[in-house]
Protein backbone atom coordinates (compact mmCIF):
# COMPACT_ATOMS: atom_id res chain seq x y z
CA MET A 1 106.09 145.82 157.00
CA HIS A 2 103.89 143.56 154.85
CA GLU A 3 102.13 146.65 153.49
CA LEU A 4 105.45 148.15 152.39
CA SER A 5 106.41 144.87 150.69
CA LYS A 6 103.21 145.05 148.63
CA ILE A 7 103.84 148.70 147.78
CA LEU A 8 107.41 147.92 146.69
CA ALA A 9 106.25 145.00 144.54
CA ASP A 10 103.64 147.21 142.87
CA TYR A 11 106.23 149.95 142.38
CA LYS A 12 108.75 147.60 140.75
CA SER A 13 106.07 146.14 138.50
CA LEU A 14 104.88 149.57 137.43
CA LYS A 15 108.45 150.80 136.79
CA ALA A 16 109.08 147.73 134.62
CA THR A 17 105.88 148.40 132.67
CA ILE A 18 106.86 152.05 132.22
CA GLY A 19 110.28 150.96 130.98
CA ASP A 20 108.72 148.56 128.48
CA LEU A 21 106.27 151.20 127.27
CA SER A 22 109.02 153.83 126.98
CA LYS A 23 111.09 151.42 124.90
CA LYS A 24 108.12 150.69 122.63
CA ALA A 25 107.37 154.43 122.26
CA ALA A 26 111.02 155.07 121.31
CA GLU A 27 110.84 152.29 118.70
CA LEU A 28 107.68 153.79 117.21
CA GLU A 29 109.27 157.25 117.22
CA ASP A 30 112.22 155.84 115.28
CA GLU A 31 109.82 154.28 112.75
CA ILE A 32 108.12 157.65 112.26
CA LYS A 33 111.49 159.40 111.83
CA ASN A 34 112.60 156.77 109.30
CA TYR A 35 109.37 157.31 107.39
CA MET A 36 109.83 161.10 107.43
CA GLY A 37 113.44 161.05 106.23
CA GLU A 38 114.46 164.69 105.70
CA THR A 39 110.86 165.94 105.83
CA GLU A 40 110.47 168.37 108.72
CA GLU A 41 106.68 168.39 108.99
CA LEU A 42 103.79 166.26 107.85
CA SER A 43 100.11 165.81 108.68
CA VAL A 44 98.39 162.46 109.08
CA ASP A 45 94.81 161.91 110.24
CA GLY A 46 94.61 165.33 111.88
CA ALA A 47 97.96 164.97 113.67
CA THR A 48 100.90 167.17 112.78
CA VAL A 49 104.34 165.60 113.15
CA ARG A 50 107.37 167.88 113.28
CA TRP A 51 111.00 166.80 113.26
CA LYS A 52 112.97 169.98 112.83
CA LYS A 53 116.64 170.80 113.09
CA ILE A 54 117.39 173.26 115.88
CA GLN A 55 120.68 175.01 116.56
CA GLN A 56 121.78 175.02 120.20
CA SER A 57 124.69 176.56 122.01
CA ARG A 58 125.88 174.86 125.17
CA PHE A 59 128.62 175.71 127.60
CA ASP A 60 131.40 173.10 127.50
CA THR A 61 132.19 172.71 131.20
CA THR A 62 134.69 169.92 130.61
CA GLU A 63 136.81 172.03 128.28
CA PHE A 64 136.46 175.09 130.52
CA ARG A 65 137.59 173.06 133.53
CA LYS A 66 140.68 171.86 131.60
CA LYS A 67 141.69 175.36 130.50
CA HIS A 68 140.64 177.36 133.60
CA ALA A 69 140.71 174.92 136.52
CA ALA A 70 141.17 177.56 139.23
CA LEU A 71 138.34 179.74 137.93
CA TYR A 72 136.12 176.69 137.57
CA GLU A 73 136.77 175.74 141.20
CA GLN A 74 135.79 179.24 142.36
CA PHE A 75 132.29 178.81 140.96
CA LEU A 76 131.54 175.30 142.15
CA LYS A 77 128.56 175.09 144.45
CA GLN A 78 128.00 172.14 146.79
CA ASN A 79 124.49 170.73 147.02
CA THR A 80 123.03 168.03 149.21
CA ILE A 81 120.45 165.77 147.62
CA ARG A 82 118.62 162.60 148.51
CA ARG A 83 118.68 159.88 145.89
CA PHE A 84 115.76 157.44 145.86
CA THR A 85 116.49 153.94 144.51
CA VAL A 86 114.77 150.60 144.72
CA THR A 87 116.74 147.50 143.75
């Protein structure tokens, strides 16, 4: 059990570090976007940065469920998953 305690401690530490690094990366990304403004592409020191507008179409399941509840229910599919959490 002691081995698992060490593994869990390392896991939590690593997850915290990943979270901190992800937050820092997001902050830097925001700085780059602020710098770019409406510019969609620029090159700096051999790196190309693109921030382009893209049109997407997505199916609105919430609205479909409201308007066609019976049909929505016919196409629901049950899945069984295993959720991994460490607290």
